[in-house]
Each structure stands twice: as C-alpha cells, then as structure tokens.
Amino acid sequence: MKMILAIVSNDDSGRVSSHLTNEGHAVTRLATTGGFLMAGNTTLLVGTPDEQVDAVIDIIARNSKKRTRIVPSTAAYGSGGVSSAFPVEVTVGGATIFVLNVERFEKL
C-alpha cells in the first residue's frame, strides 16, 4: 500500500478530488500554504494499493494545470541601496506529488 501526498493549487483541488472520488479513490483534503508565494493550496492524501499509484498520478496530472501569474518583486540597485518594485511572471499550479510506503493501515 502507498500513501500519495499531492500538493495542488486551490484552483484545481476541487476538480482533482472530484475525479479521484469518481474513480473510487478515498481522498482527504488539507488546506495548506506554500512557502514561495505564500499562496493557498491544497494537500491531498490518497491511500491506494501499489498497483493503483500510476492511475492516481494520472488523474492528478490530467486535472492540475500550470499557469502564469504576475507577482510583485523588489530588487536593490547600486551601492546606495535604491530599491524598486517591479512585477515578475512566475509559473504556478501543476502538482507536487510524493509517494510513500505504508507499513500499516487500519480503518477503525
């Protein structure tokens, strides 16, 4: 048995968890915050048999989209410490997935 931890954008989390549930996978959703943009995201916990790992990852991949966002950035120029704020385009979304071995599982 494996535990899949999938960190997905809040924009995609409903669609991902809905598709996983429709395919018979039990999903637990946790509201989390990313460190880079301090943006809200969702961590999905999916316990699954070893032979279903690729199917779960495929569902997550098909329903997690990368997108670009403009975010403010600051930079200092010169020795005088003059700083200027300017927007930067970054890629967000998609999914970060961890697959962990489960030593023991009990449902009480």
PDB file of N, CA and C in Angstrom:
ATOM      1  N   MET A   1       0.843  -1.177   0.000  1.00  0.00           N
ATOM      2  CA  MET A   1       0.000   0.000   0.000  1.00  0.00           C
ATOM      3  C   MET A   1       0.886   1.237   0.000  1.00  0.00           C
ATOM      4  N   LYS A   2       0.397   2.284  -0.642  1.00  0.00           N
ATOM      5  CA  LYS A   2       1.120   3.557  -0.734  1.00  0.00           C
ATOM      6  C   LYS A   2       0.240   4.702  -0.231  1.00  0.00           C
ATOM      7  N   MET A   3       0.900   5.741   0.255  1.00  0.00           N
ATOM      8  CA  MET A   3       0.238   6.998   0.596  1.00  0.00           C
ATOM      9  C   MET A   3       0.755   8.030  -0.386  1.00  0.00           C
ATOM     10  N   ILE A   4      -0.157   8.642  -1.126  1.00  0.00           N
ATOM     11  CA  ILE A   4       0.212   9.681  -2.084  1.00  0.00           C
ATOM     12  C   ILE A   4      -0.149  11.027  -1.471  1.00  0.00           C
ATOM     13  N   LEU A   5       0.846  11.909  -1.367  1.00  0.00           N
ATOM     14  CA  LEU A   5       0.637  13.290  -0.937  1.00  0.00           C
ATOM     15  C   LEU A   5       0.762  14.140  -2.187  1.00  0.00           C
ATOM     16  N   ALA A   6      -0.299  14.819  -2.544  1.00  0.00           N
ATOM     17  CA  ALA A   6      -0.285  15.660  -3.743  1.00  0.00           C
ATOM     18  C   ALA A   6      -0.617  17.088  -3.345  1.00  0.00           C
ATOM     19  N   ILE A   7       0.303  18.000  -3.615  1.00  0.00           N
ATOM     20  CA  ILE A   7       0.081  19.417  -3.334  1.00  0.00           C
ATOM     21  C   ILE A   7      -0.363  20.058  -4.635  1.00  0.00           C
ATOM     22  N   VAL A   8      -1.599  20.561  -4.646  1.00  0.00           N
ATOM     23  CA  VAL A   8      -2.173  21.157  -5.852  1.00  0.00           C
ATOM     24  C   VAL A   8      -2.704  22.550  -5.539  1.00  0.00           C
ATOM     25  N   SER A   9      -2.868  23.336  -6.561  1.00  0.00           N
ATOM     26  CA  SER A   9      -3.422  24.682  -6.434  1.00  0.00           C
ATOM     27  C   SER A   9      -4.864  24.604  -5.949  1.00  0.00           C
ATOM     28  N   ASN A  10      -5.263  25.585  -5.156  1.00  0.00           N
ATOM     29  CA  ASN A  10      -6.673  25.663  -4.745  1.00  0.00           C
ATOM     30  C   ASN A  10      -7.589  25.719  -5.963  1.00  0.00           C
ATOM     31  N   ASP A  11      -7.108  26.328  -7.046  1.00  0.00           N
ATOM     32  CA  ASP A  11      -7.912  26.428  -8.264  1.00  0.00           C
ATOM     33  C   ASP A  11      -8.232  25.055  -8.850  1.00  0.00           C
ATOM     34  N   ASP A  12      -7.367  24.069  -8.616  1.00  0.00           N
ATOM     35  CA  ASP A  12      -7.536  22.731  -9.190  1.00  0.00           C
ATOM     36  C   ASP A  12      -8.038  21.693  -8.201  1.00  0.00           C
ATOM     37  N   SER A  13      -7.985  21.983  -6.924  1.00  0.00           N
ATOM     38  CA  SER A  13      -8.229  20.958  -5.910  1.00  0.00           C
ATOM     39  C   SER A  13      -9.615  20.325  -5.986  1.00  0.00           C
ATOM     40  N   GLY A  14     -10.636  21.115  -6.245  1.00  0.00           N
ATOM     41  CA  GLY A  14     -11.988  20.555  -6.349  1.00  0.00           C
ATOM     42  C   GLY A  14     -12.117  19.579  -7.500  1.00  0.00           C
ATOM     43  N   ARG A  15     -11.571  19.951  -8.645  1.00  0.00           N
ATOM     44  CA  ARG A  15     -11.632  19.095  -9.830  1.00  0.00           C
ATOM     45  C   ARG A  15     -10.823  17.810  -9.612  1.00  0.00           C
ATOM     46  N   VAL A  16      -9.627  17.928  -9.028  1.00  0.00           N
ATOM     47  CA  VAL A  16      -8.778  16.759  -8.796  1.00  0.00           C
ATOM     48  C   VAL A  16      -9.451  15.805  -7.827  1.00  0.00           C
ATOM     49  N   SER A  17      -9.912  16.314  -6.684  1.00  0.00           N
ATOM     50  CA  SER A  17     -10.516  15.424  -5.685  1.00  0.00           C
ATOM     51  C   SER A  17     -11.816  14.815  -6.195  1.00  0.00           C
ATOM     52  N   SER A  18     -12.572  15.559  -6.981  1.00  0.00           N
ATOM     53  CA  SER A  18     -13.808  15.034  -7.556  1.00  0.00           C
ATOM     54  C   SER A  18     -13.531  13.867  -8.506  1.00  0.00           C
ATOM     55  N   HIS A  19     -12.545  14.027  -9.378  1.00  0.00           N
ATOM     56  CA  HIS A  19     -12.193  12.957 -10.316  1.00  0.00           C
ATOM     57  C   HIS A  19     -11.634  11.732  -9.576  1.00  0.00           C
ATOM     58  N   LEU A  20     -10.821  11.962  -8.550  1.00  0.00           N
ATOM     59  CA  LEU A  20     -10.304  10.840  -7.773  1.00  0.00           C
ATOM     60  C   LEU A  20     -11.438  10.076  -7.101  1.00  0.00           C
ATOM     61  N   THR A  21     -12.364  10.803  -6.504  1.00  0.00           N
ATOM     62  CA  THR A  21     -13.505  10.174  -5.831  1.00  0.00           C
ATOM     63  C   THR A  21     -14.373   9.418  -6.824  1.00  0.00           C
ATOM     64  N   ASN A  22     -14.620  10.015  -7.990  1.00  0.00           N
ATOM     65  CA  ASN A  22     -15.430   9.352  -9.017  1.00  0.00           C
ATOM     66  C   ASN A  22     -14.797   8.055  -9.510  1.00  0.00           C
ATOM     67  N   GLU A  23     -13.470   7.949  -9.424  1.00  0.00           N
ATOM     68  CA  GLU A  23     -12.758   6.737  -9.840  1.00  0.00           C
ATOM     69  C   GLU A  23     -12.592   5.746  -8.683  1.00  0.00           C
ATOM     70  N   GLY A  24     -13.217   6.059  -7.521  1.00  0.00           N
ATOM     71  CA  GLY A  24     -13.218   5.125  -6.395  1.00  0.00           C
ATOM     72  C   GLY A  24     -12.085   5.275  -5.401  1.00  0.00           C
ATOM     73  N   HIS A  25     -11.337   6.376  -5.459  1.00  0.00           N
ATOM     74  CA  HIS A  25     -10.233   6.601  -4.533  1.00  0.00           C
ATOM     75  C   HIS A  25     -10.692   7.485  -3.378  1.00  0.00           C
ATOM     76  N   ALA A  26     -10.365   7.073  -2.162  1.00  0.00           N
ATOM     77  CA  ALA A  26     -10.672   7.885  -0.986  1.00  0.00           C
ATOM     78  C   ALA A  26      -9.652   9.011  -0.887  1.00  0.00           C
ATOM     79  N   VAL A  27     -10.126  10.235  -0.651  1.00  0.00           N
ATOM     80  CA  VAL A  27      -9.262  11.416  -0.633  1.00  0.00           C
ATOM     81  C   VAL A  27      -9.541  12.237   0.617  1.00  0.00           C
ATOM     82  N   THR A  28      -8.473  12.675   1.265  1.00  0.00           N
ATOM     83  CA  THR A  28      -8.582  13.631   2.362  1.00  0.00           C
ATOM     84  C   THR A  28      -7.920  14.918   1.899  1.00  0.00           C
ATOM     85  N   ARG A  29      -8.627  16.053   2.094  1.00  0.00           N
ATOM     86  CA  ARG A  29      -8.115  17.354   1.668  1.00  0.00           C
ATOM     87  C   ARG A  29      -7.670  18.162   2.876  1.00  0.00           C
ATOM     88  N   LEU A  30      -6.481  18.748   2.776  1.00  0.00           N
ATOM     89  CA  LEU A  30      -5.955  19.621   3.817  1.00  0.00           C
ATOM     90  C   LEU A  30      -5.642  20.981   3.209  1.00  0.00           C
ATOM     91  N   ALA A  31      -6.102  22.043   3.847  1.00  0.00           N
ATOM     92  CA  ALA A  31      -5.764  23.395   3.391  1.00  0.00           C
ATOM     93  C   ALA A  31      -4.342  23.701   3.853  1.00  0.00           C
ATOM     94  N   THR A  32      -3.467  24.065   2.902  1.00  0.00           N
ATOM     95  CA  THR A  32      -2.076  24.360   3.217  1.00  0.00           C
ATOM     96  C   THR A  32      -1.651  25.648   2.526  1.00  0.00           C
ATOM     97  N   THR A  33      -0.493  26.153   2.916  1.00  0.00           N
ATOM     98  CA  THR A  33       0.027  27.384   2.325  1.00  0.00           C
ATOM     99  C   THR A  33       1.440  27.132   1.835  1.00  0.00           C
ATOM    100  N   GLY A  34       1.695  27.529   0.590  1.00  0.00           N
ATOM    101  CA  GLY A  34       3.025  27.359   0.017  1.00  0.00           C
ATOM    102  C   GLY A  34       3.991  28.397   0.527  1.00  0.00           C
ATOM    103  N   GLY A  35       5.263  28.066   0.529  1.00  0.00           N
ATOM    104  CA  GLY A  35       6.279  28.970   1.047  1.00  0.00           C
ATOM    105  C   GLY A  35       6.736  30.017   0.063  1.00  0.00           C
ATOM    106  N   PHE A  36       6.737  29.720  -1.248  1.00  0.00           N
ATOM    107  CA  PHE A  36       7.298  30.641  -2.228  1.00  0.00           C
ATOM    108  C   PHE A  36       6.439  31.885  -2.398  1.00  0.00           C
ATOM    109  N   LEU A  37       5.171  31.713  -2.733  1.00  0.00           N
ATOM    110  CA  LEU A  37       4.284  32.860  -2.941  1.00  0.00           C
ATOM    111  C   LEU A  37       3.345  33.081  -1.762  1.00  0.00           C
ATOM    112  N   MET A  38       3.458  32.232  -0.749  1.00  0.00           N
ATOM    113  CA  MET A  38       2.562  32.283   0.408  1.00  0.00           C
ATOM    114  C   MET A  38       1.101  32.197  -0.046  1.00  0.00           C
ATOM    115  N   ALA A  39       0.873  31.460  -1.114  1.00  0.00           N
ATOM    116  CA  ALA A  39      -0.469  31.301  -1.667  1.00  0.00           C
ATOM    117  C   ALA A  39      -1.102  30.037  -1.116  1.00  0.00           C
ATOM    118  N   GLY A  40      -2.417  30.068  -0.996  1.00  0.00           N
ATOM    119  CA  GLY A  40      -3.139  28.897  -0.524  1.00  0.00           C
ATOM    120  C   GLY A  40      -3.088  27.773  -1.540  1.00  0.00           C
ATOM    121  N   ASN A  41      -2.949  26.575  -1.050  1.00  0.00           N
ATOM    122  CA  ASN A  41      -3.033  25.405  -1.903  1.00  0.00           C
ATOM    123  C   ASN A  41      -3.696  24.296  -1.103  1.00  0.00           C
ATOM    124  N   THR A  42      -3.818  23.140  -1.688  1.00  0.00           N
ATOM    125  CA  THR A  42      -4.468  22.018  -1.031  1.00  0.00           C
ATOM    126  C   THR A  42      -3.543  20.818  -1.106  1.00  0.00           C
ATOM    127  N   THR A  43      -3.387  20.140   0.014  1.00  0.00           N
ATOM    128  CA  THR A  43      -2.640  18.890   0.038  1.00  0.00           C
ATOM    129  C   THR A  43      -3.650  17.756   0.098  1.00  0.00           C
ATOM    130  N   LEU A  44      -3.587  16.872  -0.882  1.00  0.00           N
ATOM    131  CA  LEU A  44      -4.483  15.726  -0.954  1.00  0.00           C
ATOM    132  C   LEU A  44      -3.752  14.493  -0.445  1.00  0.00           C
ATOM    133  N   LEU A  45      -4.407  13.728   0.406  1.00  0.00           N
ATOM    134  CA  LEU A  45      -3.876  12.465   0.908  1.00  0.00           C
ATOM    135  C   LEU A  45      -4.699  11.347   0.294  1.00  0.00           C
ATOM    136  N   VAL A  46      -4.021  10.444  -0.404  1.00  0.00           N
ATOM    137  CA  VAL A  46      -4.708   9.336  -1.064  1.00  0.00           C
ATOM    138  C   VAL A  46      -3.984   8.043  -0.702  1.00  0.00           C
ATOM    139  N   GLY A  47      -4.662   7.177   0.035  1.00  0.00           N
ATOM    140  CA  GLY A  47      -4.127   5.858   0.311  1.00  0.00           C
ATOM    141  C   GLY A  47      -4.590   4.922  -0.792  1.00  0.00           C
ATOM    142  N   THR A  48      -3.661   4.148  -1.370  1.00  0.00           N
ATOM    143  CA  THR A  48      -4.034   3.312  -2.502  1.00  0.00           C
ATOM    144  C   THR A  48      -3.144   2.070  -2.584  1.00  0.00           C
ATOM    145  N   PRO A  49      -3.670   0.988  -3.149  1.00  0.00           N
ATOM    146  CA  PRO A  49      -2.822  -0.183  -3.383  1.00  0.00           C
ATOM    147  C   PRO A  49      -1.699   0.162  -4.368  1.00  0.00           C
ATOM    148  N   ASP A  50      -0.587  -0.551  -4.264  1.00  0.00           N
ATOM    149  CA  ASP A  50       0.584  -0.288  -5.113  1.00  0.00           C
ATOM    150  C   ASP A  50       0.236  -0.225  -6.600  1.00  0.00           C
ATOM    151  N   GLU A  51      -0.627  -1.121  -7.048  1.00  0.00           N
ATOM    152  CA  GLU A  51      -0.933  -1.203  -8.478  1.00  0.00           C
ATOM    153  C   GLU A  51      -1.805  -0.042  -8.974  1.00  0.00           C
ATOM    154  N   GLN A  52      -2.342   0.779  -8.067  1.00  0.00           N
ATOM    155  CA  GLN A  52      -3.174   1.915  -8.467  1.00  0.00           C
ATOM    156  C   GLN A  52      -2.434   3.253  -8.446  1.00  0.00           C
ATOM    157  N   VAL A  53      -1.165   3.247  -8.045  1.00  0.00           N
ATOM    158  CA  VAL A  53      -0.406   4.500  -7.921  1.00  0.00           C
ATOM    159  C   VAL A  53      -0.367   5.266  -9.234  1.00  0.00           C
ATOM    160  N   ASP A  54      -0.035   4.598 -10.327  1.00  0.00           N
ATOM    161  CA  ASP A  54       0.062   5.285 -11.622  1.00  0.00           C
ATOM    162  C   ASP A  54      -1.281   5.862 -12.059  1.00  0.00           C
ATOM    163  N   ALA A  55      -2.376   5.165 -11.775  1.00  0.00           N
ATOM    164  CA  ALA A  55      -3.711   5.671 -12.130  1.00  0.00           C
ATOM    165  C   ALA A  55      -4.039   6.928 -11.341  1.00  0.00           C
ATOM    166  N   VAL A  56      -3.695   6.943 -10.059  1.00  0.00           N
ATOM    167  CA  VAL A  56      -3.946   8.127  -9.229  1.00  0.00           C
ATOM    168  C   VAL A  56      -3.120   9.303  -9.733  1.00  0.00           C
ATOM    169  N   ILE A  57      -1.852   9.075 -10.011  1.00  0.00           N
ATOM    170  CA  ILE A  57      -0.986  10.150 -10.504  1.00  0.00           C
ATOM    171  C   ILE A  57      -1.490  10.676 -11.845  1.00  0.00           C
ATOM    172  N   ASP A  58      -1.976   9.805 -12.697  1.00  0.00           N
ATOM    173  CA  ASP A  58      -2.519  10.219 -13.991  1.00  0.00           C
ATOM    174  C   ASP A  58      -3.737  11.126 -13.805  1.00  0.00           C
ATOM    175  N   ILE A  59      -4.623  10.785 -12.880  1.00  0.00           N
ATOM    176  CA  ILE A  59      -5.810  11.620 -12.612  1.00  0.00           C
ATOM    177  C   ILE A  59      -5.374  12.995 -12.114  1.00  0.00           C
ATOM    178  N   ILE A  60      -4.406  13.024 -11.213  1.00  0.00           N
ATOM    179  CA  ILE A  60      -3.915  14.304 -10.683  1.00  0.00           C
ATOM    180  C   ILE A  60      -3.295  15.132 -11.810  1.00  0.00           C
ATOM    181  N   ALA A  61      -2.484  14.493 -12.644  1.00  0.00           N
ATOM    182  CA  ALA A  61      -1.811  15.204 -13.743  1.00  0.00           C
ATOM    183  C   ALA A  61      -2.806  15.780 -14.744  1.00  0.00           C
ATOM    184  N   ARG A  62      -3.853  15.023 -15.072  1.00  0.00           N
ATOM    185  CA  ARG A  62      -4.834  15.493 -16.051  1.00  0.00           C
ATOM    186  C   ARG A  62      -5.672  16.654 -15.530  1.00  0.00           C
ATOM    187  N   ASN A  63      -5.744  16.822 -14.219  1.00  0.00           N
ATOM    188  CA  ASN A  63      -6.637  17.827 -13.649  1.00  0.00           C
ATOM    189  C   ASN A  63      -5.912  18.940 -12.897  1.00  0.00           C
ATOM    190  N   SER A  64      -4.594  18.993 -12.990  1.00  0.00           N
ATOM    191  CA  SER A  64      -3.789  20.056 -12.375  1.00  0.00           C
ATOM    192  C   SER A  64      -3.092  20.827 -13.478  1.00  0.00           C
ATOM    193  N   LYS A  65      -3.439  22.059 -13.642  1.00  0.00           N
ATOM    194  CA  LYS A  65      -2.900  22.856 -14.744  1.00  0.00           C
ATOM    195  C   LYS A  65      -1.887  23.880 -14.248  1.00  0.00           C
ATOM    196  N   LYS A  66      -0.786  24.012 -14.989  1.00  0.00           N
ATOM    197  CA  LYS A  66       0.171  25.080 -14.714  1.00  0.00           C
ATOM    198  C   LYS A  66      -0.357  26.355 -15.346  1.00  0.00           C
ATOM    199  N   ARG A  67      -0.086  27.469 -14.717  1.00  0.00           N
ATOM    200  CA  ARG A  67      -0.498  28.771 -15.227  1.00  0.00           C
ATOM    201  C   ARG A  67       0.533  29.807 -14.800  1.00  0.00           C
ATOM    202  N   THR A  68       0.503  30.954 -15.401  1.00  0.00           N
ATOM    203  CA  THR A  68       1.440  32.012 -15.020  1.00  0.00           C
ATOM    204  C   THR A  68       0.687  33.090 -14.260  1.00  0.00           C
ATOM    205  N   ARG A  69       1.400  33.705 -13.338  1.00  0.00           N
ATOM    206  CA  ARG A  69       0.858  34.821 -12.562  1.00  0.00           C
ATOM    207  C   ARG A  69       1.911  35.912 -12.497  1.00  0.00           C
ATOM    208  N   ILE A  70       1.436  37.124 -12.403  1.00  0.00           N
ATOM    209  CA  ILE A  70       2.317  38.271 -12.209  1.00  0.00           C
ATOM    210  C   ILE A  70       2.334  38.583 -10.719  1.00  0.00           C
ATOM    211  N   VAL A  71       3.530  38.590 -10.129  1.00  0.00           N
ATOM    212  CA  VAL A  71       3.665  38.876  -8.703  1.00  0.00           C
ATOM    213  C   VAL A  71       4.655  40.007  -8.514  1.00  0.00           C
ATOM    214  N   PRO A  72       4.479  40.796  -7.459  1.00  0.00           N
ATOM    215  CA  PRO A  72       5.428  41.886  -7.218  1.00  0.00           C
ATOM    216  C   PRO A  72       6.767  41.330  -6.742  1.00  0.00           C
ATOM    217  N   SER A  73       7.831  42.015  -7.113  1.00  0.00           N
ATOM    218  CA  SER A  73       9.164  41.641  -6.685  1.00  0.00           C
ATOM    219  C   SER A  73       9.924  42.921  -6.385  1.00  0.00           C
ATOM    220  N   THR A  74      10.910  42.833  -5.524  1.00  0.00           N
ATOM    221  CA  THR A  74      11.735  44.009  -5.242  1.00  0.00           C
ATOM    222  C   THR A  74      13.191  43.650  -5.481  1.00  0.00           C
ATOM    223  N   ALA A  75      13.949  44.640  -5.886  1.00  0.00           N
ATOM    224  CA  ALA A  75      15.377  44.440  -6.106  1.00  0.00           C
ATOM    225  C   ALA A  75      16.106  45.714  -5.726  1.00  0.00           C
ATOM    226  N   ALA A  76      17.295  45.578  -5.206  1.00  0.00           N
ATOM    227  CA  ALA A  76      18.118  46.736  -4.862  1.00  0.00           C
ATOM    228  C   ALA A  76      19.138  46.960  -5.978  1.00  0.00           C
ATOM    229  N   TYR A  77      19.341  48.205  -6.326  1.00  0.00           N
ATOM    230  CA  TYR A  77      20.292  48.552  -7.383  1.00  0.00           C
ATOM    231  C   TYR A  77      21.364  49.472  -6.823  1.00  0.00           C
ATOM    232  N   GLY A  78      22.606  49.202  -7.167  1.00  0.00           N
ATOM    233  CA  GLY A  78      23.707  50.081  -6.791  1.00  0.00           C
ATOM    234  C   GLY A  78      24.047  50.005  -5.319  1.00  0.00           C
ATOM    235  N   SER A  79      25.108  50.696  -4.947  1.00  0.00           N
ATOM    236  CA  SER A  79      25.571  50.676  -3.558  1.00  0.00           C
ATOM    237  C   SER A  79      24.765  51.601  -2.670  1.00  0.00           C
ATOM    238  N   GLY A  80      23.959  52.481  -3.276  1.00  0.00           N
ATOM    239  CA  GLY A  80      23.155  53.406  -2.487  1.00  0.00           C
ATOM    240  C   GLY A  80      21.917  52.765  -1.889  1.00  0.00           C
ATOM    241  N   GLY A  81      21.667  51.516  -2.219  1.00  0.00           N
ATOM    242  CA  GLY A  81      20.534  50.820  -1.640  1.00  0.00           C
ATOM    243  C   GLY A  81      19.204  51.239  -2.240  1.00  0.00           C
ATOM    244  N   VAL A  82      19.221  51.813  -3.426  1.00  0.00           N
ATOM    245  CA  VAL A  82      17.989  52.214  -4.079  1.00  0.00           C
ATOM    246  C   VAL A  82      17.223  50.952  -4.467  1.00  0.00           C
ATOM    247  N   SER A  83      15.985  50.891  -4.073  1.00  0.00           N
ATOM    248  CA  SER A  83      15.210  49.695  -4.414  1.00  0.00           C
ATOM    249  C   SER A  83      14.028  50.082  -5.285  1.00  0.00           C
ATOM    250  N   SER A  84      13.594  49.133  -6.050  1.00  0.00           N
ATOM    251  CA  SER A  84      12.491  49.363  -6.969  1.00  0.00           C
ATOM    252  C   SER A  84      11.617  48.117  -7.009  1.00  0.00           C
ATOM    253  N   ALA A  85      10.315  48.312  -7.007  1.00  0.00           N
ATOM    254  CA  ALA A  85       9.391  47.177  -7.121  1.00  0.00           C
ATOM    255  C   ALA A  85       9.012  47.015  -8.589  1.00  0.00           C
ATOM    256  N   PHE A  86       9.006  45.789  -9.062  1.00  0.00           N
ATOM    257  CA  PHE A  86       8.612  45.530 -10.435  1.00  0.00           C
ATOM    258  C   PHE A  86       7.936  44.167 -10.486  1.00  0.00           C
ATOM    259  N   PRO A  87       6.977  43.997 -11.387  1.00  0.00           N
ATOM    260  CA  PRO A  87       6.282  42.715 -11.463  1.00  0.00           C
ATOM    261  C   PRO A  87       7.131  41.647 -12.171  1.00  0.00           C
ATOM    262  N   VAL A  88       6.941  40.422 -11.738  1.00  0.00           N
ATOM    263  CA  VAL A  88       7.658  39.285 -12.316  1.00  0.00           C
ATOM    264  C   VAL A  88       6.632  38.205 -12.644  1.00  0.00           C
ATOM    265  N   GLU A  89       6.794  37.588 -13.805  1.00  0.00           N
ATOM    266  CA  GLU A  89       5.902  36.494 -14.187  1.00  0.00           C
ATOM    267  C   GLU A  89       6.480  35.177 -13.681  1.00  0.00           C
ATOM    268  N   VAL A  90       5.652  34.405 -12.936  1.00  0.00           N
ATOM    269  CA  VAL A  90       6.092  33.105 -12.423  1.00  0.00           C
ATOM    270  C   VAL A  90       5.079  32.035 -12.822  1.00  0.00           C
ATOM    271  N   THR A  91       5.550  30.805 -12.914  1.00  0.00           N
ATOM    272  CA  THR A  91       4.669  29.676 -13.209  1.00  0.00           C
ATOM    273  C   THR A  91       4.191  29.081 -11.895  1.00  0.00           C
ATOM    274  N   VAL A  92       2.883  28.905 -11.780  1.00  0.00           N
ATOM    275  CA  VAL A  92       2.278  28.312 -10.585  1.00  0.00           C
ATOM    276  C   VAL A  92       1.363  27.181 -11.018  1.00  0.00           C
ATOM    277  N   GLY A  93       0.902  26.435 -10.062  1.00  0.00           N
ATOM    278  CA  GLY A  93      -0.028  25.352 -10.361  1.00  0.00           C
ATOM    279  C   GLY A  93       0.691  24.056 -10.633  1.00  0.00           C
ATOM    280  N   GLY A  94       0.006  23.179 -11.336  1.00  0.00           N
ATOM    281  CA  GLY A  94       0.542  21.835 -11.510  1.00  0.00           C
ATOM    282  C   GLY A  94       0.372  21.075 -10.215  1.00  0.00           C
ATOM    283  N   ALA A  95       1.207  20.119  -9.975  1.00  0.00           N
ATOM    284  CA  ALA A  95       1.133  19.338  -8.742  1.00  0.00           C
ATOM    285  C   ALA A  95       2.527  18.901  -8.331  1.00  0.00           C
ATOM    286  N   THR A  96       2.725  18.823  -7.033  1.00  0.00           N
ATOM    287  CA  THR A  96       3.920  18.218  -6.460  1.00  0.00           C
ATOM    288  C   THR A  96       3.441  16.961  -5.752  1.00  0.00           C
ATOM    289  N   ILE A  97       4.011  15.811  -6.128  1.00  0.00           N
ATOM    290  CA  ILE A  97       3.493  14.530  -5.648  1.00  0.00           C
ATOM    291  C   ILE A  97       4.598  13.739  -4.948  1.00  0.00           C
ATOM    292  N   PHE A  98       4.264  13.213  -3.778  1.00  0.00           N
ATOM    293  CA  PHE A  98       5.135  12.319  -3.026  1.00  0.00           C
ATOM    294  C   PHE A  98       4.418  10.982  -2.886  1.00  0.00           C
ATOM    295  N   VAL A  99       5.124   9.882  -3.118  1.00  0.00           N
ATOM    296  CA  VAL A  99       4.563   8.540  -2.939  1.00  0.00           C
ATOM    297  C   VAL A  99       5.358   7.874  -1.821  1.00  0.00           C
ATOM    298  N   LEU A 100       4.655   7.508  -0.746  1.00  0.00           N
ATOM    299  CA  LEU A 100       5.286   6.948   0.440  1.00  0.00           C
ATOM    300  C   LEU A 100       4.816   5.516   0.683  1.00  0.00           C
ATOM    301  N   ASN A 101       5.707   4.688   1.158  1.00  0.00           N
ATOM    302  CA  ASN A 101       5.321   3.338   1.553  1.00  0.00           C
ATOM    303  C   ASN A 101       4.514   3.401   2.847  1.00  0.00           C
ATOM    304  N   VAL A 102       3.491   2.586   2.936  1.00  0.00           N
ATOM    305  CA  VAL A 102       2.683   2.496   4.145  1.00  0.00           C
ATOM    306  C   VAL A 102       2.995   1.154   4.802  1.00  0.00           C
ATOM    307  N   GLU A 103       3.519   1.226   5.995  1.00  0.00           N
ATOM    308  CA  GLU A 103       3.873   0.000   6.703  1.00  0.00           C
ATOM    309  C   GLU A 103       2.648  -0.690   7.271  1.00  0.00           C
ATOM    310  N   ARG A 104       1.688   0.104   7.720  1.00  0.00           N
ATOM    311  CA  ARG A 104       0.485  -0.458   8.339  1.00  0.00           C
ATOM    312  C   ARG A 104      -0.688   0.458   8.093  1.00  0.00           C
ATOM    313  N   PHE A 105      -1.852  -0.136   7.833  1.00  0.00           N
ATOM    314  CA  PHE A 105      -3.077   0.627   7.616  1.00  0.00           C
ATOM    315  C   PHE A 105      -4.207  -0.040   8.395  1.00  0.00           C
ATOM    316  N   GLU A 106      -4.942   0.761   9.136  1.00  0.00           N
ATOM    317  CA  GLU A 106      -6.121   0.276   9.849  1.00  0.00           C
ATOM    318  C   GLU A 106      -7.226   1.287   9.716  1.00  0.00           C
ATOM    319  N   LYS A 107      -8.418   0.807   9.501  1.00  0.00           N
ATOM    320  CA  LYS A 107      -9.583   1.682   9.449  1.00  0.00           C
ATOM    321  C   LYS A 107     -10.484   1.277  10.607  1.00  0.00           C
ATOM    322  N   LEU A 108     -10.596   2.144  11.599  1.00  0.00           N
ATOM    323  CA  LEU A 108     -11.350   1.830  12.809  1.00  0.00           C
ATOM    324  C   LEU A 108     -12.698   2.522  12.828  1.00  0.00           C
TER     325      LEU A 108
END
